[in-house]
C-alpha atoms as a PDB file:
ATOM      1  CA  MET A   1     -33.629 -64.586 -19.006  1.00  0.00           C
ATOM      2  CA  PRO A   2     -31.798 -64.895 -15.682  1.00  0.00           C
ATOM      3  CA  VAL A   3     -28.503 -64.465 -17.528  1.00  0.00           C
ATOM      4  CA  SER A   4     -29.735 -61.377 -19.274  1.00  0.00           C
ATOM      5  CA  ARG A   5     -30.670 -59.815 -15.947  1.00  0.00           C
ATOM      6  CA  ILE A   6     -27.381 -60.679 -14.260  1.00  0.00           C
ATOM      7  CA  GLY A   7     -25.211 -59.441 -17.155  1.00  0.00           C
ATOM      8  CA  PRO A   8     -26.355 -55.793 -17.106  1.00  0.00           C
ATOM      9  CA  ALA A   9     -26.085 -55.725 -13.309  1.00  0.00           C
ATOM     10  CA  ILE A  10     -22.487 -56.855 -13.471  1.00  0.00           C
ATOM     11  CA  GLY A  11     -21.833 -54.324 -16.211  1.00  0.00           C
ATOM     12  CA  ARG A  12     -23.261 -51.495 -14.172  1.00  0.00           C
ATOM     13  CA  ARG A  13     -21.190 -52.486 -11.142  1.00  0.00           C
ATOM     14  CA  ALA A  14     -18.072 -52.645 -13.291  1.00  0.00           C
ATOM     15  CA  LEU A  15     -18.686 -49.187 -14.693  1.00  0.00           C
ATOM     16  CA  LEU A  16     -19.385 -47.810 -11.232  1.00  0.00           C
ATOM     17  CA  THR A  17     -16.246 -49.405  -9.825  1.00  0.00           C
ATOM     18  CA  GLY A  18     -14.188 -47.989 -12.682  1.00  0.00           C
ATOM     19  CA  ALA A  19     -15.602 -44.533 -12.193  1.00  0.00           C
ATOM     20  CA  LEU A  20     -14.908 -44.608  -8.471  1.00  0.00           C
ATOM     21  CA  ALA A  21     -11.384 -45.840  -9.058  1.00  0.00           C
ATOM     22  CA  SER A  22     -10.817 -43.068 -11.576  1.00  0.00           C
ATOM     23  CA  GLY A  23     -12.198 -40.472  -9.154  1.00  0.00           C
ATOM     24  CA  ILE A  24      -9.804 -41.665  -6.480  1.00  0.00           C
ATOM     25  CA  ALA A  25      -6.826 -41.884  -8.827  1.00  0.00           C
ATOM     26  CA  TRP A  26      -6.961 -38.328 -10.144  1.00  0.00           C
ATOM     27  CA  PRO A  27      -6.460 -36.635  -6.741  1.00  0.00           C
ATOM     28  CA  ARG A  28      -3.583 -39.039  -6.121  1.00  0.00           C
ATOM     29  CA  ILE A  29      -1.997 -38.098  -9.411  1.00  0.00           C
ATOM     30  CA  ALA A  30      -2.485 -34.383  -8.687  1.00  0.00           C
ATOM     31  CA  ARG A  31      -1.002 -34.910  -5.230  1.00  0.00           C
ATOM     32  CA  ALA A  32       2.020 -36.674  -6.705  1.00  0.00           C
ATOM     33  CA  GLN A  33       2.543 -33.816  -9.152  1.00  0.00           C
ATOM     34  CA  THR A  34       2.374 -31.351  -6.286  1.00  0.00           C
ATOM     35  CA  LEU A  35       4.968 -33.274  -4.276  1.00  0.00           C
ATOM     36  CA  THR A  36       7.423 -33.277  -7.198  1.00  0.00           C
ATOM     37  CA  TYR A  37       6.862 -29.582  -8.022  1.00  0.00           C
ATOM     38  CA  PRO A  38       8.655 -28.091  -9.831  1.00  0.00           C
ATOM     39  CA  ASN A  39       9.890 -30.692 -12.285  1.00  0.00           C
ATOM     40  CA  ARG A  40       9.967 -28.513 -15.393  1.00  0.00           C
ATOM     41  CA  VAL A  41      10.544 -24.904 -16.454  1.00  0.00           C
ATOM     42  CA  ILE A  42       8.382 -22.232 -14.801  1.00  0.00           C
ATOM     43  CA  LYS A  43       7.177 -19.345 -16.949  1.00  0.00           C
ATOM     44  CA  MET A  44       6.862 -15.951 -15.262  1.00  0.00           C
ATOM     45  CA  ILE A  45       4.769 -13.590 -17.367  1.00  0.00           C
ATOM     46  CA  VAL A  46       5.589  -9.901 -16.970  1.00  0.00           C
ATOM     47  CA  PRO A  47       2.865  -7.677 -18.485  1.00  0.00           C
ATOM     48  CA  PHE A  48       5.323  -4.900 -19.363  1.00  0.00           C
ATOM     49  CA  ALA A  49       8.179  -4.327 -21.794  1.00  0.00           C
ATOM     50  CA  PRO A  50      11.766  -5.366 -21.023  1.00  0.00           C
ATOM     51  CA  GLY A  51      13.962  -2.840 -19.254  1.00  0.00           C
ATOM     52  CA  GLY A  52      11.334  -1.105 -17.149  1.00  0.00           C
ATOM     53  CA  PRO A  53      11.035  -1.105 -13.343  1.00  0.00           C
ATOM     54  CA  ALA A  54       8.646  -4.082 -13.226  1.00  0.00           C
ATOM     55  CA  ASP A  55      10.858  -6.095 -15.564  1.00  0.00           C
ATOM     56  CA  THR A  56      13.937  -5.328 -13.435  1.00  0.00           C
ATOM     57  CA  MET A  57      12.175  -6.595 -10.317  1.00  0.00           C
ATOM     58  CA  ALA A  58      10.838  -9.646 -12.158  1.00  0.00           C
ATOM     59  CA  ARG A  59      14.333 -10.715 -13.193  1.00  0.00           C
ATOM     60  CA  LEU A  60      15.562 -10.409  -9.617  1.00  0.00           C
ATOM     61  CA  ALA A  61      12.585 -12.475  -8.438  1.00  0.00           C
ATOM     62  CA  ALA A  62      13.171 -15.101 -11.133  1.00  0.00           C
ATOM     63  CA  GLN A  63      16.817 -15.472 -10.050  1.00  0.00           C
ATOM     64  CA  GLN A  64      15.777 -15.997  -6.448  1.00  0.00           C
ATOM     65  CA  LEU A  65      13.112 -18.569  -7.316  1.00  0.00           C
ATOM     66  CA  SER A  66      15.335 -20.443  -9.731  1.00  0.00           C
ATOM     67  CA  SER A  67      18.218 -20.785  -7.277  1.00  0.00           C
ATOM     68  CA  ARG A  68      15.950 -21.963  -4.449  1.00  0.00           C
ATOM     69  CA  LEU A  69      13.628 -24.241  -6.414  1.00  0.00           C
ATOM     70  CA  GLY A  70      16.349 -25.833  -8.516  1.00  0.00           C
ATOM     71  CA  GLN A  71      14.410 -25.190 -11.714  1.00  0.00           C
ATOM     72  CA  ASN A  72      14.694 -22.623 -14.506  1.00  0.00           C
ATOM     73  CA  VAL A  73      12.326 -19.662 -14.272  1.00  0.00           C
ATOM     74  CA  ILE A  74      12.028 -17.826 -17.573  1.00  0.00           C
ATOM     75  CA  ILE A  75      10.684 -14.320 -18.132  1.00  0.00           C
ATOM     76  CA  ASP A  76       7.995 -13.791 -20.778  1.00  0.00           C
ATOM     77  CA  ASN A  77       7.401 -10.069 -21.400  1.00  0.00           C
ATOM     78  CA  ARG A  78       3.959  -9.335 -22.846  1.00  0.00           C
ATOM     79  CA  ALA A  79       3.367  -5.593 -22.876  1.00  0.00           C
ATOM     80  CA  GLY A  80       0.112  -3.954 -23.892  1.00  0.00           C
ATOM     81  CA  ALA A  81      -2.998  -2.196 -22.594  1.00  0.00           C
ATOM     82  CA  GLY A  82      -1.347  -1.182 -19.341  1.00  0.00           C
ATOM     83  CA  GLY A  83      -0.590  -4.800 -18.528  1.00  0.00           C
ATOM     84  CA  SER A  84      -4.206  -5.961 -18.628  1.00  0.00           C
ATOM     85  CA  ILE A  85      -3.944  -8.282 -21.650  1.00  0.00           C
ATOM     86  CA  ALA A  86      -1.174 -10.451 -20.224  1.00  0.00           C
ATOM     87  CA  THR A  87      -2.721 -10.390 -16.764  1.00  0.00           C
ATOM     88  CA  LYS A  88      -6.017 -11.666 -18.152  1.00  0.00           C
ATOM     89  CA  THR A  89      -4.142 -14.415 -20.004  1.00  0.00           C
ATOM     90  CA  VAL A  90      -2.542 -15.669 -16.799  1.00  0.00           C
ATOM     91  CA  SER A  91      -5.882 -15.570 -14.971  1.00  0.00           C
ATOM     92  CA  THR A  92      -7.163 -18.326 -17.289  1.00  0.00           C
ATOM     93  CA  ALA A  93      -3.955 -20.373 -17.456  1.00  0.00           C
ATOM     94  CA  GLU A  94      -3.678 -23.899 -16.080  1.00  0.00           C
ATOM     95  CA  PRO A  95      -3.418 -23.602 -12.269  1.00  0.00           C
ATOM     96  CA  ASP A  96      -0.445 -25.944 -11.986  1.00  0.00           C
ATOM     97  CA  GLY A  97       2.242 -23.537 -10.781  1.00  0.00           C
ATOM     98  CA  TYR A  98       4.078 -23.403 -14.101  1.00  0.00           C
ATOM     99  CA  THR A  99       2.549 -20.146 -15.373  1.00  0.00           C
ATOM    100  CA  LEU A 100       2.898 -17.246 -12.939  1.00  0.00           C
ATOM    101  CA  LEU A 101       2.162 -13.529 -13.067  1.00  0.00           C
ATOM    102  CA  PHE A 102       4.666 -10.944 -11.906  1.00  0.00           C
ATOM    103  CA  GLY A 103       2.539  -7.816 -11.667  1.00  0.00           C
ATOM    104  CA  ASN A 104       2.575  -4.473  -9.923  1.00  0.00           C
ATOM    105  CA  THR A 105       0.361  -1.774  -8.449  1.00  0.00           C
ATOM    106  CA  ALA A 106      -1.182  -1.049 -11.846  1.00  0.00           C
ATOM    107  CA  THR A 107      -2.158  -4.631 -12.687  1.00  0.00           C
ATOM    108  CA  PHE A 108      -3.170  -5.751  -9.199  1.00  0.00           C
ATOM    109  CA  ALA A 109      -4.959  -2.642  -7.884  1.00  0.00           C
ATOM    110  CA  VAL A 110      -5.169   0.608  -9.865  1.00  0.00           C
ATOM    111  CA  GLY A 111      -6.080  -0.894 -13.252  1.00  0.00           C
ATOM    112  CA  PRO A 112      -9.021  -2.912 -11.922  1.00  0.00           C
ATOM    113  CA  ALA A 113     -10.228   0.197 -10.084  1.00  0.00           C
ATOM    114  CA  VAL A 114     -10.378   2.431 -13.148  1.00  0.00           C
ATOM    115  CA  TYR A 115     -11.058   0.181 -16.166  1.00  0.00           C
ATOM    116  CA  VAL A 116     -14.693  -0.768 -16.789  1.00  0.00           C
ATOM    117  CA  ASN A 117     -13.977  -4.064 -18.561  1.00  0.00           C
ATOM    118  CA  ILE A 118     -10.434  -5.031 -17.650  1.00  0.00           C
ATOM    119  CA  GLY A 119     -11.278  -8.709 -18.052  1.00  0.00           C
ATOM    120  CA  TYR A 120     -10.106 -10.096 -14.721  1.00  0.00           C
ATOM    121  CA  ASP A 121     -10.652  -9.737 -10.987  1.00  0.00           C
ATOM    122  CA  PRO A 122      -7.349  -9.482  -9.066  1.00  0.00           C
ATOM    123  CA  ILE A 123      -8.916 -11.061  -5.981  1.00  0.00           C
ATOM    124  CA  LYS A 124     -11.158 -13.787  -7.455  1.00  0.00           C
ATOM    125  CA  HIS A 125      -9.033 -14.884 -10.395  1.00  0.00           C
ATOM    126  CA  PHE A 126      -5.629 -15.176  -8.727  1.00  0.00           C
ATOM    127  CA  ALA A 127      -3.991 -17.079  -5.913  1.00  0.00           C
ATOM    128  CA  PRO A 128      -1.726 -14.589  -4.101  1.00  0.00           C
ATOM    129  CA  ILE A 129       1.801 -15.930  -3.640  1.00  0.00           C
ATOM    130  CA  ALA A 130       4.107 -13.214  -2.358  1.00  0.00           C
ATOM    131  CA  LEU A 131       4.745  -9.517  -2.192  1.00  0.00           C
ATOM    132  CA  PHE A 132       8.180  -8.745  -3.624  1.00  0.00           C
ATOM    133  CA  SER A 133       9.346  -5.125  -3.775  1.00  0.00           C
ATOM    134  CA  THR A 134       7.788  -2.022  -2.270  1.00  0.00           C
ATOM    135  CA  SER A 135       8.568   1.656  -2.630  1.00  0.00           C
ATOM    136  CA  THR A 136       6.941   4.873  -1.594  1.00  0.00           C
ATOM    137  CA  ASN A 137       6.263   7.778  -3.902  1.00  0.00           C
ATOM    138  CA  LEU A 138       7.410  11.338  -3.416  1.00  0.00           C
ATOM    139  CA  LEU A 139       5.408  14.521  -3.757  1.00  0.00           C
ATOM    140  CA  VAL A 140       7.560  17.082  -5.569  1.00  0.00           C
ATOM    141  CA  ALA A 141       6.928  20.617  -6.754  1.00  0.00           C
ATOM    142  CA  ASP A 142       8.309  23.267  -9.050  1.00  0.00           C
ATOM    143  CA  PRO A 143      10.857  25.167  -6.893  1.00  0.00           C
ATOM    144  CA  LYS A 144       9.198  28.417  -8.018  1.00  0.00           C
ATOM    145  CA  LEU A 145       5.955  27.436  -6.281  1.00  0.00           C
ATOM    146  CA  PRO A 146       5.966  29.343  -2.946  1.00  0.00           C
ATOM    147  CA  VAL A 147       5.463  26.285  -0.727  1.00  0.00           C
ATOM    148  CA  ARG A 148       7.794  23.974   1.192  1.00  0.00           C
ATOM    149  CA  THR A 149       5.417  21.795   3.191  1.00  0.00           C
ATOM    150  CA  VAL A 150       2.160  19.942   2.651  1.00  0.00           C
ATOM    151  CA  THR A 151       0.420  22.380   4.967  1.00  0.00           C
ATOM    152  CA  GLU A 152       1.626  25.341   2.926  1.00  0.00           C
ATOM    153  CA  LEU A 153       0.686  23.578  -0.312  1.00  0.00           C
ATOM    154  CA  ILE A 154      -2.852  22.898   0.865  1.00  0.00           C
ATOM    155  CA  ALA A 155      -3.264  26.497   2.046  1.00  0.00           C
ATOM    156  CA  HIS A 156      -1.924  27.810  -1.276  1.00  0.00           C
ATOM    157  CA  ALA A 157      -4.234  25.521  -3.255  1.00  0.00           C
ATOM    158  CA  LYS A 158      -7.258  26.604  -1.249  1.00  0.00           C
ATOM    159  CA  SER A 159      -6.464  30.250  -1.863  1.00  0.00           C
ATOM    160  CA  HIS A 160      -5.920  29.583  -5.584  1.00  0.00           C
ATOM    161  CA  PRO A 161      -8.615  27.011  -6.505  1.00  0.00           C
ATOM    162  CA  GLY A 162      -8.154  25.439  -9.921  1.00  0.00           C
ATOM    163  CA  LYS A 163      -4.849  27.245 -10.493  1.00  0.00           C
ATOM    164  CA  ILE A 164      -2.403  24.503  -9.487  1.00  0.00           C
ATOM    165  CA  ASN A 165      -1.790  21.604 -11.861  1.00  0.00           C
ATOM    166  CA  PHE A 166      -0.433  18.149 -11.070  1.00  0.00           C
ATOM    167  CA  ALA A 167       1.172  15.986 -13.736  1.00  0.00           C
ATOM    168  CA  SER A 168       1.028  12.225 -14.281  1.00  0.00           C
ATOM    169  CA  PRO A 169       2.377   9.832 -16.936  1.00  0.00           C
ATOM    170  CA  GLY A 170      -1.169   9.172 -18.117  1.00  0.00           C
ATOM    171  CA  PHE A 171      -4.857   9.031 -17.250  1.00  0.00           C
ATOM    172  CA  GLY A 172      -5.608   6.271 -14.759  1.00  0.00           C
ATOM    173  CA  THR A 173      -1.958   5.631 -13.847  1.00  0.00           C
ATOM    174  CA  PRO A 174      -0.879   5.280 -10.198  1.00  0.00           C
ATOM    175  CA  PRO A 175       0.528   8.865  -9.997  1.00  0.00           C
ATOM    176  CA  HIS A 176      -2.787  10.166 -11.326  1.00  0.00           C
ATOM    177  CA  MET A 177      -4.683   8.214  -8.684  1.00  0.00           C
ATOM    178  CA  ILE A 178      -2.371   9.392  -5.893  1.00  0.00           C
ATOM    179  CA  GLY A 179      -2.998  12.965  -6.995  1.00  0.00           C
ATOM    180  CA  GLU A 180      -6.739  12.347  -6.908  1.00  0.00           C
ATOM    181  CA  MET A 181      -6.434  10.889  -3.420  1.00  0.00           C
ATOM    182  CA  PHE A 182      -4.537  14.017  -2.366  1.00  0.00           C
ATOM    183  CA  LYS A 183      -7.330  16.197  -3.753  1.00  0.00           C
ATOM    184  CA  GLN A 184      -9.916  14.224  -1.822  1.00  0.00           C
ATOM    185  CA  ARG A 185      -8.080  13.942   1.495  1.00  0.00           C
ATOM    186  CA  ALA A 186      -6.985  17.598   1.483  1.00  0.00           C
ATOM    187  CA  ALA A 187     -10.285  18.918   0.059  1.00  0.00           C
ATOM    188  CA  ILE A 188      -8.525  21.045  -2.544  1.00  0.00           C
ATOM    189  CA  ASP A 189      -9.154  21.885  -6.199  1.00  0.00           C
ATOM    190  CA  ILE A 190      -6.079  21.055  -8.271  1.00  0.00           C
ATOM    191  CA  VAL A 191      -6.106  20.100 -11.953  1.00  0.00           C
ATOM    192  CA  HIS A 192      -4.792  16.865 -13.428  1.00  0.00           C
ATOM    193  CA  VAL A 193      -2.596  17.136 -16.531  1.00  0.00           C
ATOM    194  CA  PRO A 194      -1.851  13.731 -18.122  1.00  0.00           C
ATOM    195  CA  TYR A 195       1.340  13.216 -20.134  1.00  0.00           C
ATOM    196  CA  LYS A 196       2.636  10.414 -22.327  1.00  0.00           C
ATOM    197  CA  GLY A 197       5.168   9.113 -19.866  1.00  0.00           C
ATOM    198  CA  THR A 198       7.030  10.175 -16.746  1.00  0.00           C
ATOM    199  CA  ALA A 199       9.915  11.959 -18.473  1.00  0.00           C
ATOM    200  CA  ALA A 200       7.659  14.485 -20.205  1.00  0.00           C
ATOM    201  CA  ALA A 201       5.785  15.201 -16.976  1.00  0.00           C
ATOM    202  CA  ILE A 202       8.995  15.811 -15.008  1.00  0.00           C
ATOM    203  CA  THR A 203      10.424  18.000 -17.767  1.00  0.00           C
ATOM    204  CA  ASP A 204       7.388  20.272 -17.711  1.00  0.00           C
ATOM    205  CA  ILE A 205       7.516  20.659 -13.943  1.00  0.00           C
ATOM    206  CA  MET A 206      11.131  21.787 -14.190  1.00  0.00           C
ATOM    207  CA  ALA A 207      10.013  24.206 -16.927  1.00  0.00           C
ATOM    208  CA  SER A 208       7.234  25.566 -14.639  1.00  0.00           C
ATOM    209  CA  GLN A 209       4.493  24.412 -17.012  1.00  0.00           C
ATOM    210  CA  VAL A 210       2.891  22.335 -14.241  1.00  0.00           C
ATOM    211  CA  GLN A 211       3.514  22.518 -10.540  1.00  0.00           C
ATOM    212  CA  LEU A 212       3.297  19.077  -8.879  1.00  0.00           C
ATOM    213  CA  THR A 213       3.585  15.340  -9.301  1.00  0.00           C
ATOM    214  CA  PHE A 214       3.769  12.130  -7.291  1.00  0.00           C
ATOM    215  CA  GLU A 215       6.418   9.764  -8.591  1.00  0.00           C
ATOM    216  CA  ASN A 216       8.882   7.027  -7.758  1.00  0.00           C
ATOM    217  CA  PRO A 217      12.050   8.142  -5.917  1.00  0.00           C
ATOM    218  CA  SER A 218      14.257   6.506  -8.545  1.00  0.00           C
ATOM    219  CA  VAL A 219      13.456   9.296 -11.011  1.00  0.00           C
ATOM    220  CA  LEU A 220      13.223  12.135  -8.473  1.00  0.00           C
ATOM    221  CA  VAL A 221      15.939  11.890  -5.834  1.00  0.00           C
ATOM    222  CA  GLN A 222      18.831  13.244  -7.916  1.00  0.00           C
ATOM    223  CA  LEU A 223      16.673  16.069  -9.269  1.00  0.00           C
ATOM    224  CA  ILE A 224      15.757  17.024  -5.696  1.00  0.00           C
ATOM    225  CA  HIS A 225      19.409  16.991  -4.653  1.00  0.00           C
ATOM    226  CA  ASP A 226      20.289  19.157  -7.671  1.00  0.00           C
ATOM    227  CA  GLY A 227      17.588  21.689  -6.753  1.00  0.00           C
ATOM    228  CA  LYS A 228      15.652  21.129  -9.977  1.00  0.00           C
ATOM    229  CA  LEU A 229      12.640  19.859  -8.027  1.00  0.00           C
ATOM    230  CA  ARG A 230      11.505  20.575  -4.480  1.00  0.00           C
ATOM    231  CA  GLY A 231      10.702  17.583  -2.345  1.00  0.00           C
ATOM    232  CA  ILE A 232       7.586  18.100  -0.238  1.00  0.00           C
ATOM    233  CA  ALA A 233       6.731  14.718   1.334  1.00  0.00           C
ATOM    234  CA  SER A 234       6.782  10.953   0.901  1.00  0.00           C
ATOM    235  CA  THR A 235       3.720   8.722   0.746  1.00  0.00           C
ATOM    236  CA  GLY A 236       4.916   5.787   2.822  1.00  0.00           C
ATOM    237  CA  GLU A 237       4.098   4.748   6.350  1.00  0.00           C
ATOM    238  CA  ALA A 238       7.655   5.742   7.268  1.00  0.00           C
ATOM    239  CA  ARG A 239      10.118   8.200   5.755  1.00  0.00           C
ATOM    240  CA  ASN A 240      11.954   7.175   2.626  1.00  0.00           C
ATOM    241  CA  PRO A 241      15.601   6.292   3.423  1.00  0.00           C
ATOM    242  CA  GLN A 242      16.738   8.156   0.290  1.00  0.00           C
ATOM    243  CA  THR A 243      15.046  11.364   1.449  1.00  0.00           C
ATOM    244  CA  PRO A 244      15.131  11.169   5.267  1.00  0.00           C
ATOM    245  CA  ASP A 245      14.481  14.909   5.649  1.00  0.00           C
ATOM    246  CA  LEU A 246      11.118  14.704   3.898  1.00  0.00           C
ATOM    247  CA  PRO A 247       8.170  13.979   6.228  1.00  0.00           C
ATOM    248  CA  THR A 248       5.464  11.510   5.322  1.00  0.00           C
ATOM    249  CA  MET A 249       2.018  12.683   4.290  1.00  0.00           C
ATOM    250  CA  ILE A 250       0.777  11.329   7.627  1.00  0.00           C
ATOM    251  CA  GLU A 251       3.322  13.433   9.531  1.00  0.00           C
ATOM    252  CA  SER A 252       2.220  16.367   7.408  1.00  0.00           C
ATOM    253  CA  GLY A 253      -1.339  16.215   8.726  1.00  0.00           C
ATOM    254  CA  LEU A 254      -3.116  13.786   6.398  1.00  0.00           C
ATOM    255  CA  PRO A 255      -3.985  10.685   8.472  1.00  0.00           C
ATOM    256  CA  ASP A 256      -3.978   7.353   6.662  1.00  0.00           C
ATOM    257  CA  PHE A 257      -2.483   8.858   3.489  1.00  0.00           C
ATOM    258  CA  VAL A 258      -0.320   5.956   2.368  1.00  0.00           C
ATOM    259  CA  SER A 259       0.540   4.983  -1.179  1.00  0.00           C
ATOM    260  CA  THR A 260       2.889   2.087  -1.821  1.00  0.00           C
ATOM    261  CA  SER A 261       4.107   1.051  -5.239  1.00  0.00           C
ATOM    262  CA  PHE A 262       4.710  -2.683  -5.276  1.00  0.00           C
ATOM    263  CA  THR A 263       5.560  -5.691  -7.374  1.00  0.00           C
ATOM    264  CA  ALA A 264       4.300  -9.155  -6.538  1.00  0.00           C
ATOM    265  CA  LEU A 265       3.866 -12.741  -7.644  1.00  0.00           C
ATOM    266  CA  ALA A 266       0.553 -14.550  -8.169  1.00  0.00           C
ATOM    267  CA  ALA A 267      -0.780 -17.676  -9.829  1.00  0.00           C
ATOM    268  CA  PRO A 268      -4.123 -18.531 -11.428  1.00  0.00           C
ATOM    269  CA  ALA A 269      -6.888 -19.199  -8.907  1.00  0.00           C
ATOM    270  CA  GLY A 270      -7.127 -22.896  -8.087  1.00  0.00           C
ATOM    271  CA  THR A 271      -3.372 -23.455  -7.870  1.00  0.00           C
ATOM    272  CA  PRO A 272      -2.783 -26.066  -5.139  1.00  0.00           C
ATOM    273  CA  PRO A 273      -1.990 -24.471  -1.749  1.00  0.00           C
ATOM    274  CA  GLU A 274       1.115 -26.656  -1.421  1.00  0.00           C
ATOM    275  CA  ILE A 275       2.552 -25.126  -4.581  1.00  0.00           C
ATOM    276  CA  VAL A 276       1.598 -21.598  -3.517  1.00  0.00           C
ATOM    277  CA  HIS A 277       3.351 -22.051  -0.179  1.00  0.00           C
ATOM    278  CA  ARG A 278       6.416 -23.605  -1.821  1.00  0.00           C
ATOM    279  CA  LEU A 279       6.766 -20.561  -4.065  1.00  0.00           C
ATOM    280  CA  ASN A 280       6.105 -18.221  -1.137  1.00  0.00           C
ATOM    281  CA  GLU A 281       8.825 -19.852   0.953  1.00  0.00           C
ATOM    282  CA  ALA A 282      11.328 -19.578  -1.884  1.00  0.00           C
ATOM    283  CA  MET A 283      10.475 -15.949  -2.552  1.00  0.00           C
ATOM    284  CA  ASN A 284      10.631 -14.966   1.106  1.00  0.00           C
ATOM    285  CA  ALA A 285      13.957 -16.740   1.546  1.00  0.00           C
ATOM    286  CA  GLY A 286      15.286 -14.477  -1.191  1.00  0.00           C
ATOM    287  CA  LEU A 287      13.771 -11.386   0.407  1.00  0.00           C
ATOM    288  CA  ASN A 288      15.469 -12.253   3.691  1.00  0.00           C
ATOM    289  CA  SER A 289      18.867 -12.749   2.051  1.00  0.00           C
ATOM    290  CA  ALA A 290      21.671 -10.220   2.467  1.00  0.00           C
ATOM    291  CA  GLU A 291      22.355 -10.378  -1.277  1.00  0.00           C
ATOM    292  CA  LEU A 292      18.909  -9.208  -2.333  1.00  0.00           C
ATOM    293  CA  GLY A 293      18.756  -6.738   0.545  1.00  0.00           C
ATOM    294  CA  SER A 294      21.916  -5.060  -0.745  1.00  0.00           C
ATOM    295  CA  THR A 295      20.545  -4.918  -4.299  1.00  0.00           C
ATOM    296  CA  PHE A 296      17.272  -3.440  -3.097  1.00  0.00           C
ATOM    297  CA  ALA A 297      19.110  -0.773  -1.108  1.00  0.00           C
ATOM    298  CA  LYS A 298      20.995   0.313  -4.230  1.00  0.00           C
ATOM    299  CA  LEU A 299      17.735   0.512  -6.172  1.00  0.00           C
ATOM    300  CA  GLY A 300      15.937   2.424  -3.419  1.00  0.00           C
ATOM    301  CA  VAL A 301      13.238  -0.198  -2.829  1.00  0.00           C
ATOM    302  CA  GLY A 302      12.306  -2.411   0.081  1.00  0.00           C
ATOM    303  CA  GLY A 303      11.087  -5.961   0.426  1.00  0.00           C
ATOM    304  CA  ARG A 304       8.318  -7.343   2.635  1.00  0.00           C
ATOM    305  CA  ALA A 305       8.167 -11.057   3.354  1.00  0.00           C
ATOM    306  CA  LEU A 306       4.473 -11.852   3.769  1.00  0.00           C
ATOM    307  CA  SER A 307       2.617 -15.146   3.832  1.00  0.00           C
ATOM    308  CA  PRO A 308       0.169 -15.810   0.979  1.00  0.00           C
ATOM    309  CA  GLU A 309      -2.678 -15.007   3.370  1.00  0.00           C
ATOM    310  CA  GLN A 310      -1.097 -11.726   4.460  1.00  0.00           C
ATOM    311  CA  PHE A 311      -0.379 -10.772   0.873  1.00  0.00           C
ATOM    312  CA  GLY A 312      -3.959 -11.599  -0.077  1.00  0.00           C
ATOM    313  CA  ALA A 313      -5.252  -9.298   2.676  1.00  0.00           C
ATOM    314  CA  PHE A 314      -2.872  -6.581   1.437  1.00  0.00           C
ATOM    315  CA  LEU A 315      -4.319  -6.887  -2.075  1.00  0.00           C
ATOM    316  CA  VAL A 316      -7.876  -6.596  -0.761  1.00  0.00           C
ATOM    317  CA  ARG A 317      -6.985  -3.368   1.085  1.00  0.00           C
ATOM    318  CA  GLU A 318      -5.247  -1.912  -1.965  1.00  0.00           C
ATOM    319  CA  ASN A 319      -8.206  -2.688  -4.211  1.00  0.00           C
ATOM    320  CA  GLN A 320     -10.654  -1.168  -1.756  1.00  0.00           C
ATOM    321  CA  LYS A 321      -8.561   1.976  -1.410  1.00  0.00           C
ATOM    322  CA  TRP A 322      -8.142   2.681  -5.113  1.00  0.00           C
ATOM    323  CA  SER A 323     -11.718   1.710  -5.984  1.00  0.00           C
ATOM    324  CA  THR A 324     -12.916   4.261  -3.425  1.00  0.00           C
ATOM    325  CA  VAL A 325     -10.670   6.960  -4.916  1.00  0.00           C
ATOM    326  CA  ALA A 326     -11.785   6.133  -8.467  1.00  0.00           C
ATOM    327  CA  ARG A 327     -15.482   6.275  -7.575  1.00  0.00           C
ATOM    328  CA  ALA A 328     -15.123   9.584  -5.727  1.00  0.00           C
ATOM    329  CA  ALA A 329     -13.254  11.099  -8.699  1.00  0.00           C
ATOM    330  CA  ASN A 330     -15.614   9.466 -11.226  1.00  0.00           C
ATOM    331  CA  ILE A 331     -12.694   7.887 -13.058  1.00  0.00           C
ATOM    332  CA  ARG A 332     -13.836   5.083 -15.369  1.00  0.00           C
ATOM    333  CA  ILE A 333     -11.963   4.089 -18.502  1.00  0.00           C
ATOM    334  CA  GLU A 334     -13.789   2.151 -21.222  1.00  0.00           C
END
């Protein structure tokens, strides 16, 4: 009888000791893995097709990370549903720093603001790593429209309610949302006309079928210089270097009217802070390099080296801004 009582007690202590040892060992193992990061290939998922603007930026980012981390960074393009499918996939990936998301304004801010069931929360489900590229948009008009400034455009729209159309590459896209923000901030009645892509929208403005659009400078600057489109303003905090003569929307009388298109890097929520900061340091080192600065200048984009915390705060502001615009315009996509 005494033996039978002592045996189970020893057994229980042994199990408890083993469990405690295991509980202590796992954090040590995780810590060791963090210290040796990265020791294998990193996959950067891009939720858009190869060859587009986001893919171009992703490949530049991958080169910078690879050269500074001493590990291969491969691009995995997974287009579909405006980038939401691939973004959702990354949100549930193992948070070990080996599966990353290279997203943009649509995936990190505008999409979550307009889609009812997008399947992920850009703030809760991701660990922000770094902002990469930024660019402002330009407001352009059909040269036949009798306006040259934002003030004149607003006055013309108010005297012709519902008669001016603005184009976008699709319902719920960033240019659509910028146009809705313009409607709200200027208190004007202009009509949205969605197209299947940017090229068709621009073509119809030049053909005087629609009158306005907000778009990336990369597709507008040459057309402005050629007189095929009329530049009205830029949407950045400062003037766009490619169009220094165009005032910002703020300079044009619309306080706090800022719209920045961006690309950025994030990891699944729960990724160890040490890994997040290692990736951030590598990315920012690239952004501060003369090589990448020269490439960005040729492409007409800028780079902003932010800490993970600063980038996270930036994402919160962007989500709040576009959610407010979407609610005011009653834009919800099922």
